[in-house]
Every structure is written in C-alpha cells, then in structure tokens.
C-alpha cells in the first residue's frame, strides 16, 4: 500500500503465494517506500536479508525467479494505476477480488467492506452500492466479513481488461497456477 501523509492509503499491488515482499533488500536497503499488510491469513516463509542478497548475487534459480517476479509485479502495478484512473469502481472491484482469489487460492475471501473500500480507494458506501448488485446477479455471495466468488467466468467478464492482462503476464512468466 502507498500511504499518504494524512493517513489515506490505497493498494498498489497484491502479493500472494507466487511472490515476495522486501525486494529492496536485494540492493542492500531494508527499508521500503510502501507499507505491507496481510489481507488474508496464511503461511509464509522468511529469509534473512544478508542470506537473500548473497544468494541473489549468484546467477541461479533465485535470481531468475526474482527477475521474472519483478517483471510480473511491475506489470501488475502498471495496470493497477491505469485501472484506478480509467475504470469504474465495479470493474476495479471485480479485478481486485479475482486477483486476491488467485493469490489466496480460495473462492472465499475473509474481507470486510471497510477493508475492501480502503484497498480500492473508495468510500465504504460506494463499495456497498457495487457489491449488492454483484450479489443480486449471482457473481458473489457477500456476508459479514466474507466475500465469496460464486461465478468466476461471469466475474471475469464483468472485470476490466486489466485483470486478464495481469493474469496473462503471470502465466507467461510462471506457467499456469
């Protein structure tokens, strides 16, 4: 997330089972210009920064995966910027839910309206106006603190082109998940 001086925040990218946080450690800087937040509980691995830097210096599998992931991550950020500026809240919401499902690997996402509104940079009331019709059309099932994608193909069709472009880049670089 990028956090402004006044505390307002918006998500700039998602990281899941396919990625990593802390890429700045590669260049010896353990600080990041972004804040990281765990959105959905799960398991993760960690590596000491000095060990990471040493292994990344070699032209081995870790470095190759890092370069691929960096490429995919930049694609995701580029489309997120375009999406936030050019697409409706409904399309952005669908993209975000689909991307989160891809990273979590489950159709049920433990998310509140408040949290999702922060990630999308919109008022909570705007989000409620989007989620209601998505549920009425049978794309999602929305309960307190949980959103479940019920009809993924229709959800993808409702999303903007950004979701497909990001997914295609990840598949191109890492194969189907």
N, C-alpha and C. Protein backbone atom coordinates (compact mmCIF):
# COMPACT_ATOMS: atom_id res chain seq x y z
N UNK A 1 0.84 -1.17 0.00
CA UNK A 1 0.00 0.00 0.00
C UNK A 1 0.89 1.24 0.00
N UNK A 2 0.40 2.27 -0.65
CA UNK A 2 1.03 3.57 -0.55
C UNK A 2 0.18 4.38 0.42
N UNK A 3 0.85 4.94 1.43
CA UNK A 3 0.16 5.70 2.47
C UNK A 3 0.58 7.16 2.35
N UNK A 4 -0.41 8.03 2.30
CA UNK A 4 -0.17 9.47 2.19
C UNK A 4 0.13 10.06 3.57
N UNK A 5 0.61 11.30 3.60
CA UNK A 5 0.93 11.97 4.86
C UNK A 5 -0.27 12.05 5.80
N UNK A 6 -1.49 12.22 5.22
CA UNK A 6 -2.68 12.35 6.06
C UNK A 6 -3.24 10.99 6.51
N UNK A 7 -2.57 9.91 6.12
CA UNK A 7 -3.01 8.57 6.53
C UNK A 7 -3.85 7.85 5.50
N UNK A 8 -4.33 8.55 4.47
CA UNK A 8 -5.08 7.87 3.41
C UNK A 8 -4.16 6.86 2.74
N UNK A 9 -4.73 5.73 2.36
CA UNK A 9 -3.93 4.67 1.75
C UNK A 9 -4.70 4.05 0.60
N UNK A 10 -3.95 3.46 -0.32
CA UNK A 10 -4.55 2.71 -1.42
C UNK A 10 -3.59 1.57 -1.77
N UNK A 11 -4.17 0.47 -2.16
CA UNK A 11 -3.34 -0.66 -2.55
C UNK A 11 -2.75 -0.41 -3.94
N UNK A 12 -1.48 -0.74 -4.10
CA UNK A 12 -0.83 -0.60 -5.40
C UNK A 12 -0.54 -1.95 -6.03
N UNK A 13 -0.53 -3.01 -5.23
CA UNK A 13 -0.31 -4.35 -5.77
C UNK A 13 -0.64 -5.39 -4.70
N UNK A 14 -0.87 -6.61 -5.17
CA UNK A 14 -1.10 -7.71 -4.24
C UNK A 14 0.03 -8.72 -4.38
N UNK A 15 0.36 -9.34 -3.28
CA UNK A 15 1.39 -10.36 -3.25
C UNK A 15 0.77 -11.59 -2.61
N UNK A 16 0.99 -12.72 -3.20
CA UNK A 16 0.45 -13.95 -2.64
C UNK A 16 1.46 -15.06 -2.68
N UNK A 17 0.97 -16.25 -2.88
CA UNK A 17 1.83 -17.44 -2.86
C UNK A 17 2.87 -17.42 -3.97
N UNK A 18 2.68 -16.57 -4.97
CA UNK A 18 3.59 -16.52 -6.11
C UNK A 18 4.71 -15.51 -5.93
N UNK A 19 4.66 -14.69 -4.87
CA UNK A 19 5.58 -13.57 -4.83
C UNK A 19 6.26 -13.36 -3.51
N UNK A 20 6.78 -12.15 -3.38
CA UNK A 20 7.54 -11.82 -2.18
C UNK A 20 7.50 -10.32 -1.92
N UNK A 21 7.65 -9.98 -0.67
CA UNK A 21 7.84 -8.59 -0.26
C UNK A 21 9.31 -8.44 0.12
N UNK A 22 9.80 -7.22 0.12
CA UNK A 22 11.17 -6.98 0.55
C UNK A 22 12.20 -7.00 -0.56
N UNK A 23 11.79 -6.74 -1.78
CA UNK A 23 12.74 -6.74 -2.90
C UNK A 23 13.85 -5.70 -2.70
N UNK A 24 13.59 -4.65 -1.91
CA UNK A 24 14.62 -3.64 -1.71
C UNK A 24 15.83 -4.21 -0.97
N UNK A 25 15.67 -5.32 -0.27
CA UNK A 25 16.80 -5.96 0.41
C UNK A 25 17.85 -6.43 -0.60
N UNK A 26 17.43 -6.67 -1.83
CA UNK A 26 18.35 -7.10 -2.88
C UNK A 26 19.45 -6.07 -3.12
N UNK A 27 19.11 -4.81 -2.99
CA UNK A 27 20.09 -3.74 -3.23
C UNK A 27 20.73 -3.26 -1.93
N UNK A 28 20.44 -3.96 -0.84
CA UNK A 28 21.05 -3.60 0.44
C UNK A 28 20.25 -2.62 1.25
N UNK A 29 19.06 -2.29 0.81
CA UNK A 29 18.21 -1.35 1.53
C UNK A 29 17.05 -2.14 2.13
N UNK A 30 17.00 -2.20 3.43
CA UNK A 30 15.93 -2.97 4.06
C UNK A 30 14.68 -2.14 4.30
N UNK A 31 14.69 -0.86 3.90
CA UNK A 31 13.51 -0.01 4.01
C UNK A 31 12.71 -0.12 2.72
N UNK A 32 11.42 0.13 2.80
CA UNK A 32 10.57 0.09 1.61
C UNK A 32 9.74 1.37 1.56
N UNK A 33 9.46 1.87 0.35
CA UNK A 33 8.61 3.06 0.25
C UNK A 33 7.13 2.73 0.50
N UNK A 34 6.81 1.47 0.60
CA UNK A 34 5.43 1.05 0.78
C UNK A 34 5.22 0.39 2.13
N UNK A 35 3.96 0.33 2.54
CA UNK A 35 3.57 -0.44 3.71
C UNK A 35 3.02 -1.77 3.22
N UNK A 36 3.22 -2.81 4.00
CA UNK A 36 2.71 -4.13 3.65
C UNK A 36 1.69 -4.55 4.70
N UNK A 37 0.62 -5.17 4.25
CA UNK A 37 -0.43 -5.59 5.15
C UNK A 37 -0.88 -6.99 4.75
N UNK A 38 -1.01 -7.86 5.72
CA UNK A 38 -1.55 -9.19 5.45
C UNK A 38 -3.06 -9.05 5.36
N UNK A 39 -3.62 -9.35 4.19
CA UNK A 39 -5.05 -9.21 3.98
C UNK A 39 -5.81 -10.48 4.33
N UNK A 40 -5.19 -11.59 4.03
CA UNK A 40 -5.81 -12.89 4.27
C UNK A 40 -4.78 -13.76 4.97
N UNK A 41 -5.15 -14.33 6.09
CA UNK A 41 -4.22 -15.16 6.87
C UNK A 41 -3.75 -16.35 6.05
N UNK A 42 -2.54 -16.75 6.30
CA UNK A 42 -1.96 -17.90 5.60
C UNK A 42 -0.55 -18.12 6.10
N UNK A 43 0.18 -18.93 5.37
CA UNK A 43 1.55 -19.23 5.75
C UNK A 43 2.51 -18.49 4.82
N UNK A 44 3.68 -18.22 5.34
CA UNK A 44 4.71 -17.57 4.55
C UNK A 44 6.08 -18.00 5.03
N UNK A 45 7.05 -17.70 4.25
CA UNK A 45 8.43 -18.01 4.60
C UNK A 45 9.20 -16.70 4.69
N UNK A 46 10.25 -16.70 5.48
CA UNK A 46 11.09 -15.51 5.53
C UNK A 46 12.55 -15.94 5.42
N UNK A 47 13.35 -14.98 4.96
CA UNK A 47 14.78 -15.22 4.76
C UNK A 47 15.51 -13.99 5.28
N UNK A 48 16.62 -14.19 5.95
CA UNK A 48 17.42 -13.06 6.39
C UNK A 48 17.91 -12.28 5.17
N UNK A 49 17.95 -10.97 5.29
CA UNK A 49 18.32 -10.10 4.16
C UNK A 49 19.73 -10.39 3.67
N UNK A 50 20.68 -10.64 4.55
CA UNK A 50 22.05 -10.88 4.11
C UNK A 50 22.15 -12.21 3.34
N UNK A 51 21.42 -13.22 3.77
CA UNK A 51 21.41 -14.50 3.07
C UNK A 51 20.75 -14.33 1.70
N UNK A 52 19.66 -13.57 1.66
CA UNK A 52 18.96 -13.28 0.41
C UNK A 52 19.89 -12.59 -0.59
N UNK A 53 20.59 -11.55 -0.12
CA UNK A 53 21.50 -10.82 -1.02
C UNK A 53 22.59 -11.72 -1.56
N UNK A 54 23.18 -12.54 -0.70
CA UNK A 54 24.25 -13.45 -1.15
C UNK A 54 23.74 -14.42 -2.21
N UNK A 55 22.59 -15.01 -1.96
CA UNK A 55 22.04 -15.99 -2.93
C UNK A 55 21.63 -15.29 -4.22
N UNK A 56 21.08 -14.08 -4.11
CA UNK A 56 20.63 -13.34 -5.29
C UNK A 56 21.79 -12.89 -6.16
N UNK A 57 23.00 -12.75 -5.58
CA UNK A 57 24.16 -12.35 -6.37
C UNK A 57 24.53 -13.42 -7.39
N UNK A 58 24.27 -14.65 -7.05
CA UNK A 58 24.57 -15.75 -7.98
C UNK A 58 23.55 -15.73 -9.12
N UNK A 59 23.94 -16.18 -10.26
CA UNK A 59 23.00 -16.24 -11.38
C UNK A 59 22.32 -17.61 -11.36
N UNK A 60 21.64 -17.87 -10.27
CA UNK A 60 21.00 -19.17 -10.08
C UNK A 60 19.49 -19.05 -10.12
N UNK A 61 18.80 -20.07 -9.65
CA UNK A 61 17.34 -20.12 -9.70
C UNK A 61 16.66 -18.97 -8.95
N UNK A 62 17.17 -18.58 -7.78
CA UNK A 62 16.54 -17.49 -7.03
C UNK A 62 16.57 -16.20 -7.84
N UNK A 63 17.72 -15.88 -8.40
CA UNK A 63 17.83 -14.65 -9.18
C UNK A 63 16.90 -14.69 -10.40
N UNK A 64 16.83 -15.83 -11.06
CA UNK A 64 15.96 -15.95 -12.24
C UNK A 64 14.49 -15.75 -11.85
N UNK A 65 14.08 -16.35 -10.74
CA UNK A 65 12.70 -16.17 -10.27
C UNK A 65 12.45 -14.72 -9.88
N UNK A 66 13.43 -14.09 -9.24
CA UNK A 66 13.28 -12.69 -8.85
C UNK A 66 13.08 -11.77 -10.06
N UNK A 67 13.85 -11.99 -11.10
CA UNK A 67 13.71 -11.16 -12.30
C UNK A 67 12.34 -11.37 -12.93
N UNK A 68 11.90 -12.60 -13.01
CA UNK A 68 10.56 -12.87 -13.55
C UNK A 68 9.48 -12.23 -12.69
N UNK A 69 9.61 -12.41 -11.37
CA UNK A 69 8.60 -11.85 -10.47
C UNK A 69 8.59 -10.33 -10.55
N UNK A 70 9.76 -9.71 -10.61
CA UNK A 70 9.83 -8.25 -10.72
C UNK A 70 9.11 -7.77 -11.98
N UNK A 71 9.29 -8.48 -13.07
CA UNK A 71 8.61 -8.13 -14.33
C UNK A 71 7.09 -8.23 -14.16
N UNK A 72 6.63 -9.33 -13.58
CA UNK A 72 5.19 -9.52 -13.37
C UNK A 72 4.64 -8.48 -12.40
N UNK A 73 5.40 -8.19 -11.36
CA UNK A 73 4.98 -7.22 -10.35
C UNK A 73 4.83 -5.82 -10.96
N UNK A 74 5.79 -5.43 -11.79
CA UNK A 74 5.69 -4.12 -12.46
C UNK A 74 4.48 -4.07 -13.40
N UNK A 75 4.20 -5.18 -14.05
CA UNK A 75 3.00 -5.24 -14.90
C UNK A 75 1.76 -5.01 -14.06
N UNK A 76 1.71 -5.68 -12.90
CA UNK A 76 0.55 -5.52 -12.02
C UNK A 76 0.40 -4.07 -11.56
N UNK A 77 1.50 -3.44 -11.17
CA UNK A 77 1.43 -2.05 -10.72
C UNK A 77 0.99 -1.13 -11.85
N UNK A 78 1.53 -1.35 -13.05
CA UNK A 78 1.16 -0.51 -14.20
C UNK A 78 -0.33 -0.59 -14.50
N UNK A 79 -0.85 -1.79 -14.49
CA UNK A 79 -2.28 -1.94 -14.76
C UNK A 79 -3.13 -1.43 -13.61
N UNK A 80 -2.66 -1.54 -12.37
CA UNK A 80 -3.41 -1.01 -11.23
C UNK A 80 -3.54 0.51 -11.34
N UNK A 81 -2.46 1.18 -11.74
CA UNK A 81 -2.51 2.63 -11.92
C UNK A 81 -3.50 2.99 -13.01
N UNK A 82 -3.40 2.31 -14.15
CA UNK A 82 -4.33 2.58 -15.26
C UNK A 82 -5.77 2.29 -14.84
N UNK A 83 -5.96 1.17 -14.17
CA UNK A 83 -7.29 0.76 -13.75
C UNK A 83 -7.91 1.77 -12.79
N UNK A 84 -7.14 2.21 -11.81
CA UNK A 84 -7.65 3.16 -10.83
C UNK A 84 -8.05 4.48 -11.47
N UNK A 85 -7.39 4.85 -12.55
CA UNK A 85 -7.70 6.11 -13.22
C UNK A 85 -8.74 6.02 -14.32
N UNK A 86 -8.91 4.84 -14.90
CA UNK A 86 -9.73 4.74 -16.11
C UNK A 86 -11.01 3.91 -15.98
N UNK A 87 -11.10 3.06 -14.97
CA UNK A 87 -12.22 2.12 -14.93
C UNK A 87 -13.17 2.40 -13.76
N UNK A 88 -14.39 1.91 -13.93
CA UNK A 88 -15.42 2.10 -12.90
C UNK A 88 -15.06 1.33 -11.64
N UNK A 89 -15.66 1.72 -10.54
CA UNK A 89 -15.43 1.03 -9.27
C UNK A 89 -15.85 -0.44 -9.39
N UNK A 90 -16.93 -0.71 -10.10
CA UNK A 90 -17.38 -2.11 -10.26
C UNK A 90 -16.30 -2.96 -10.94
N UNK A 91 -15.74 -2.47 -12.03
CA UNK A 91 -14.71 -3.22 -12.74
C UNK A 91 -13.46 -3.38 -11.89
N UNK A 92 -13.07 -2.31 -11.20
CA UNK A 92 -11.90 -2.36 -10.32
C UNK A 92 -12.11 -3.36 -9.18
N UNK A 93 -13.31 -3.37 -8.63
CA UNK A 93 -13.63 -4.28 -7.54
C UNK A 93 -13.55 -5.73 -8.03
N UNK A 94 -14.10 -6.01 -9.18
CA UNK A 94 -14.03 -7.37 -9.75
C UNK A 94 -12.58 -7.77 -9.97
N UNK A 95 -11.78 -6.88 -10.54
CA UNK A 95 -10.35 -7.17 -10.76
C UNK A 95 -9.68 -7.50 -9.44
N UNK A 96 -9.93 -6.68 -8.43
CA UNK A 96 -9.27 -6.86 -7.15
C UNK A 96 -9.67 -8.19 -6.51
N UNK A 97 -10.95 -8.51 -6.52
CA UNK A 97 -11.41 -9.77 -5.93
C UNK A 97 -10.83 -10.98 -6.67
N UNK A 98 -10.80 -10.92 -8.00
CA UNK A 98 -10.23 -12.02 -8.78
C UNK A 98 -8.73 -12.18 -8.50
N UNK A 99 -8.02 -11.08 -8.44
CA UNK A 99 -6.58 -11.16 -8.17
C UNK A 99 -6.32 -11.71 -6.77
N UNK A 100 -7.13 -11.31 -5.83
CA UNK A 100 -6.97 -11.82 -4.47
C UNK A 100 -7.28 -13.30 -4.41
N UNK A 101 -8.32 -13.72 -5.11
CA UNK A 101 -8.64 -15.15 -5.17
C UNK A 101 -7.47 -15.92 -5.78
N UNK A 102 -6.88 -15.40 -6.84
CA UNK A 102 -5.73 -16.06 -7.46
C UNK A 102 -4.59 -16.24 -6.46
N UNK A 103 -4.35 -15.23 -5.66
CA UNK A 103 -3.24 -15.29 -4.73
C UNK A 103 -3.52 -16.16 -3.52
N UNK A 104 -4.77 -16.20 -3.09
CA UNK A 104 -5.15 -16.98 -1.91
C UNK A 104 -5.45 -18.43 -2.28
N UNK A 105 -6.02 -18.64 -3.47
CA UNK A 105 -6.35 -19.99 -3.90
C UNK A 105 -7.68 -20.49 -3.38
N UNK A 106 -8.54 -19.59 -2.94
CA UNK A 106 -9.85 -19.97 -2.41
C UNK A 106 -10.89 -18.98 -2.93
N UNK A 107 -12.10 -19.45 -3.24
CA UNK A 107 -13.14 -18.51 -3.68
C UNK A 107 -13.69 -17.64 -2.53
N UNK A 108 -13.50 -18.07 -1.28
CA UNK A 108 -13.98 -17.31 -0.12
C UNK A 108 -12.87 -16.45 0.43
N UNK A 109 -13.14 -15.17 0.50
CA UNK A 109 -12.14 -14.20 0.93
C UNK A 109 -12.63 -13.51 2.20
N UNK A 110 -11.91 -13.64 3.31
CA UNK A 110 -12.33 -13.01 4.56
C UNK A 110 -12.05 -11.51 4.53
N UNK A 111 -12.99 -10.75 4.00
CA UNK A 111 -12.80 -9.31 3.81
C UNK A 111 -14.03 -8.55 4.27
N UNK A 112 -13.80 -7.43 4.91
CA UNK A 112 -14.91 -6.54 5.26
C UNK A 112 -15.07 -5.49 4.17
N UNK A 113 -16.24 -4.87 4.14
CA UNK A 113 -16.47 -3.78 3.19
C UNK A 113 -15.50 -2.63 3.47
N UNK A 114 -15.25 -2.38 4.74
CA UNK A 114 -14.34 -1.29 5.12
C UNK A 114 -12.95 -1.53 4.55
N UNK A 115 -12.46 -2.75 4.74
CA UNK A 115 -11.12 -3.07 4.25
C UNK A 115 -11.06 -2.98 2.72
N UNK A 116 -12.02 -3.55 2.03
CA UNK A 116 -12.03 -3.53 0.57
C UNK A 116 -12.14 -2.09 0.06
N UNK A 117 -12.90 -1.25 0.74
CA UNK A 117 -13.02 0.15 0.30
C UNK A 117 -11.67 0.86 0.41
N UNK A 118 -10.90 0.54 1.45
CA UNK A 118 -9.56 1.13 1.59
C UNK A 118 -8.66 0.66 0.45
N UNK A 119 -8.70 -0.63 0.14
CA UNK A 119 -7.84 -1.18 -0.92
C UNK A 119 -8.17 -0.55 -2.28
N UNK A 120 -9.45 -0.25 -2.50
CA UNK A 120 -9.86 0.33 -3.78
C UNK A 120 -9.82 1.85 -3.77
N UNK A 121 -9.62 2.46 -2.61
CA UNK A 121 -9.56 3.92 -2.53
C UNK A 121 -10.91 4.58 -2.75
N UNK A 122 -11.97 3.95 -2.24
CA UNK A 122 -13.32 4.49 -2.40
C UNK A 122 -14.02 4.54 -1.05
N UNK A 123 -15.10 5.30 -0.99
CA UNK A 123 -15.91 5.34 0.22
C UNK A 123 -16.59 3.99 0.44
N UNK A 124 -16.78 3.62 1.69
CA UNK A 124 -17.43 2.35 2.01
C UNK A 124 -18.82 2.27 1.39
N UNK A 125 -19.54 3.40 1.38
CA UNK A 125 -20.89 3.41 0.82
C UNK A 125 -20.86 3.12 -0.69
N UNK A 126 -19.85 3.60 -1.39
CA UNK A 126 -19.71 3.31 -2.82
C UNK A 126 -19.51 1.82 -3.05
N UNK A 127 -18.72 1.22 -2.20
CA UNK A 127 -18.46 -0.21 -2.32
C UNK A 127 -19.72 -1.03 -2.07
N UNK A 128 -20.50 -0.65 -1.07
CA UNK A 128 -21.74 -1.34 -0.77
C UNK A 128 -22.69 -1.28 -1.97
N UNK A 129 -22.70 -0.15 -2.66
CA UNK A 129 -23.55 0.00 -3.85
C UNK A 129 -23.08 -0.89 -5.00
N UNK A 130 -21.83 -1.29 -5.00
CA UNK A 130 -21.27 -2.18 -6.03
C UNK A 130 -21.51 -3.64 -5.67
N UNK A 131 -21.25 -4.00 -4.41
CA UNK A 131 -21.34 -5.40 -4.01
C UNK A 131 -22.77 -5.93 -4.04
N UNK A 132 -23.74 -5.10 -3.70
CA UNK A 132 -25.15 -5.52 -3.72
C UNK A 132 -25.57 -6.05 -5.08
N UNK A 133 -25.42 -5.25 -6.14
CA UNK A 133 -25.77 -5.73 -7.48
C UNK A 133 -24.95 -6.94 -7.94
N UNK A 134 -23.68 -7.01 -7.57
CA UNK A 134 -22.88 -8.19 -7.94
C UNK A 134 -23.48 -9.44 -7.31
N UNK A 135 -23.95 -9.31 -6.08
CA UNK A 135 -24.59 -10.46 -5.42
C UNK A 135 -25.94 -10.76 -6.06
N UNK A 136 -26.73 -9.76 -6.36
CA UNK A 136 -28.04 -9.96 -7.00
C UNK A 136 -27.89 -10.66 -8.34
N UNK A 137 -26.82 -10.39 -9.06
CA UNK A 137 -26.57 -11.02 -10.36
C UNK A 137 -25.93 -12.40 -10.22
N UNK A 138 -25.64 -12.82 -9.00
CA UNK A 138 -25.11 -14.16 -8.76
C UNK A 138 -23.62 -14.31 -8.98
N UNK A 139 -22.88 -13.23 -8.99
CA UNK A 139 -21.43 -13.31 -9.19
C UNK A 139 -20.69 -13.57 -7.87
N UNK A 140 -21.23 -13.01 -6.79
CA UNK A 140 -20.60 -13.18 -5.48
C UNK A 140 -21.67 -13.52 -4.45
N UNK A 141 -21.23 -14.00 -3.31
CA UNK A 141 -22.07 -14.13 -2.12
C UNK A 141 -21.36 -13.33 -1.05
N UNK A 142 -22.07 -12.37 -0.49
CA UNK A 142 -21.47 -11.41 0.42
C UNK A 142 -22.11 -11.56 1.79
N UNK A 143 -21.33 -11.94 2.78
CA UNK A 143 -21.80 -11.99 4.16
C UNK A 143 -20.87 -11.14 5.01
N UNK A 144 -21.23 -10.96 6.24
CA UNK A 144 -20.42 -10.12 7.12
C UNK A 144 -18.99 -10.67 7.22
N UNK A 145 -18.04 -9.89 6.74
CA UNK A 145 -16.64 -10.27 6.84
C UNK A 145 -16.17 -11.32 5.86
N UNK A 146 -16.98 -11.65 4.87
CA UNK A 146 -16.56 -12.66 3.88
C UNK A 146 -17.25 -12.40 2.54
N UNK A 147 -16.45 -12.44 1.50
CA UNK A 147 -16.97 -12.31 0.13
C UNK A 147 -16.52 -13.56 -0.62
N UNK A 148 -17.49 -14.26 -1.22
CA UNK A 148 -17.20 -15.49 -1.96
C UNK A 148 -17.51 -15.27 -3.43
N UNK A 149 -16.56 -15.57 -4.29
CA UNK A 149 -16.80 -15.51 -5.73
C UNK A 149 -17.55 -16.78 -6.11
N UNK A 150 -18.77 -16.61 -6.61
CA UNK A 150 -19.66 -17.74 -6.92
C UNK A 150 -19.57 -18.12 -8.39
N UNK A 151 -19.48 -17.13 -9.27
CA UNK A 151 -19.46 -17.37 -10.71
C UNK A 151 -18.23 -16.68 -11.31
N UNK A 152 -17.12 -17.39 -11.28
CA UNK A 152 -15.85 -16.80 -11.72
C UNK A 152 -15.88 -16.38 -13.19
N UNK A 153 -16.38 -17.19 -14.12
CA UNK A 153 -16.39 -16.74 -15.52
C UNK A 153 -17.15 -15.43 -15.72
N UNK A 154 -18.29 -15.28 -15.08
CA UNK A 154 -19.04 -14.03 -15.21
C UNK A 154 -18.34 -12.88 -14.48
N UNK A 155 -17.65 -13.21 -13.41
CA UNK A 155 -16.89 -12.19 -12.68
C UNK A 155 -15.75 -11.68 -13.58
N UNK A 156 -15.07 -12.59 -14.26
CA UNK A 156 -14.00 -12.19 -15.18
C UNK A 156 -14.56 -11.33 -16.31
N UNK A 157 -15.74 -11.69 -16.80
CA UNK A 157 -16.37 -10.91 -17.89
C UNK A 157 -16.78 -9.52 -17.41
N UNK A 158 -17.10 -9.39 -16.14
CA UNK A 158 -17.51 -8.11 -15.57
C UNK A 158 -16.31 -7.23 -15.25
N UNK A 159 -15.18 -7.86 -14.97
CA UNK A 159 -13.95 -7.14 -14.67
C UNK A 159 -13.47 -6.41 -15.92
N UNK A 160 -12.54 -5.52 -15.73
CA UNK A 160 -11.94 -4.81 -16.86
C UNK A 160 -10.83 -5.66 -17.49
N UNK A 161 -10.27 -5.17 -18.57
CA UNK A 161 -9.20 -5.85 -19.28
C UNK A 161 -7.93 -6.01 -18.44
N UNK A 162 -7.81 -5.19 -17.41
CA UNK A 162 -6.60 -5.20 -16.58
C UNK A 162 -6.38 -6.55 -15.91
N UNK A 163 -7.46 -7.17 -15.42
CA UNK A 163 -7.30 -8.46 -14.76
C UNK A 163 -6.70 -9.49 -15.72
N UNK A 164 -7.25 -9.58 -16.92
CA UNK A 164 -6.76 -10.56 -17.90
C UNK A 164 -5.32 -10.30 -18.29
N UNK A 165 -4.95 -9.03 -18.45
CA UNK A 165 -3.59 -8.70 -18.84
C UNK A 165 -2.59 -9.08 -17.74
N UNK A 166 -2.95 -8.81 -16.50
CA UNK A 166 -2.08 -9.17 -15.38
C UNK A 166 -1.96 -10.68 -15.27
N UNK A 167 -3.08 -11.38 -15.34
CA UNK A 167 -3.06 -12.84 -15.24
C UNK A 167 -2.23 -13.45 -16.36
N UNK A 168 -2.40 -12.95 -17.59
CA UNK A 168 -1.63 -13.48 -18.72
C UNK A 168 -0.13 -13.30 -18.53
N UNK A 169 0.28 -12.17 -17.95
CA UNK A 169 1.71 -11.94 -17.72
C UNK A 169 2.26 -12.92 -16.68
N UNK A 170 1.50 -13.14 -15.61
CA UNK A 170 1.94 -14.11 -14.61
C UNK A 170 2.02 -15.50 -15.22
N UNK A 171 1.05 -15.88 -16.03
CA UNK A 171 1.08 -17.20 -16.67
C UNK A 171 2.25 -17.29 -17.66
N UNK A 172 2.50 -16.24 -18.42
CA UNK A 172 3.62 -16.23 -19.36
C UNK A 172 4.94 -16.45 -18.64
N UNK A 173 5.09 -15.82 -17.49
CA UNK A 173 6.36 -15.86 -16.78
C UNK A 173 6.52 -17.09 -15.87
N UNK A 174 5.39 -17.59 -15.34
CA UNK A 174 5.48 -18.68 -14.36
C UNK A 174 4.68 -19.93 -14.72
N UNK A 175 3.93 -19.88 -15.82
CA UNK A 175 3.09 -21.02 -16.18
C UNK A 175 1.76 -20.95 -15.42
N UNK A 176 0.83 -21.82 -15.79
CA UNK A 176 -0.48 -21.81 -15.12
C UNK A 176 -0.32 -22.14 -13.63
N UNK A 177 -1.14 -21.54 -12.81
CA UNK A 177 -1.03 -21.78 -11.37
C UNK A 177 -1.94 -22.86 -10.89
